[in-house]
């Protein structure tokens, strides 16, 4: 990658002062969609991270093979027009013709293979290794046909293609990963105009887009507003057209504004305290009795009732939720029982409790600080002092990537709906895992190696029972997601994994 290229990328991204010529070439406000999230993206290559902030913004530029239409709940074609399994280990994709990247490069099977091979490189995209690990190879059949081969039956393959994004090979080779993260090129309905970190990310419509650019939206601007109250205020004053992670306390006020609407969605995101038993995080949490005690010490019903006005669901002692394949109907929530928590702590040798560092994000999830404060207060009642460490979103993600959030942290996770993507986060070799258990690893692998749903259900029920006993987490709640939007925004719907898609919407 040449010094000239790097300087060109930096200039394009950072030359963004309001008085500059780049910013002066404005689009009328009524043709600009402004989306306000809780944090700025870290990367604009969607496969650079699994977080929704990165995926939402990056996917407006760089497209995947398929997408999940929130209006139907079904996987729909995108860059792959159709697909079929030739056998239990080979999926054939028929790719869309007549598509070009915004730099003029053609989209074809060679570009698709190049992109899948990038994502399969665990050193390049470690966050996606549990998605692509079962893929054994990618083969170009002809210019618009691709075969994806797996090591064995892989029931989550289509959802992997939902998270697999296609890049232009020539530009990628010239730019490299770091520069591409700053200035991506894709086939999507928008292309990057400028990115002023922690201020604004501006995209203009791609005139030669193969599909239909969202109606009336010539420009999309993404703004990071970490504070919940400030984000709602920006919606009310017209500074934002769509906001995510809206606190439940603001719903009635937004509903009372005739120019706005509140949108509720059942979320795939579940929240928990992760309790590390890794040797690099020495603490009393290595004792199973201590981890169980913390589950008994937390009054989940109180958190749901008082912080979310009842608009959330207490987890049933597991990370899978009702209606999801693998959900175990025999498991129940740990009851709130502080006396039992104290007895378990005493049995483990901590009759007077202990102190433990407690990390949590601030501004990343709806009411994340308030939840963390409530948890700390409940733990204090059984003698456990949670040493609260608030992390802004970027630092939280950095520590997440480097497995530095131990010994205890609060977070929410919303992987695709297949149970493998949730439970594989607890496999011993997964980069974010804070537990190592060979029996759990085996059950997770068995569940992901058959397409027979009854057999998969059996394996995942066994896995969740084991996790309930091991208590690698304090199982908290499944959220309902709340969004606020101007009534000018038409036909937009949320997804359970907190993706913001622009397909099929309009601004009137």
Foldseek 3Di string as FASTA:
>chain_A
DDPVVVVVLCCQAAVDDCVDPLNVVDDDPLQEAEEEEQFADPFLCLLQDVDQNNVQNNCLFWPFQWAQDQVVRDIAGDQFHDWDAPDQFKIKTFGDPPFAKLVGHGDWLVQVQVQLVQSCPCVNRVQCVLLCVQWDGKDDPDGGMIMTGGPFRFQCNVVSRNSGTTARVVVCVVQPDVSCRSAPIHLHQWGWRYHHHQAKTKTAGRPSRPDDRFASHGMYMYHHDLDLVVQVVCCVVVVHFKYWQHFLVCQVVQCPDPQKHKAKAFALKFKWKFAFLDPVFDDLSVDLLLLLLLLLLDAQVCCCCPRRVVQWFFDQLFSADPPAQQDAPVGGRNHNDLVSSLVSCVVSPRNQEEEFEEEEERSNHRCGVVVVVNSQVSSVVSRYHYNYDYDYPVVVVVCQQQVNRPRIYMDMAGRPRHVLVVLVCQDPPRSRHRDYDPVLNVLSVQLRRDPPSVSNNVSSNVNSVVCSSSNSINGHIRHIIMMMRGPQKPDWHADNRRHGDSPPIHGD
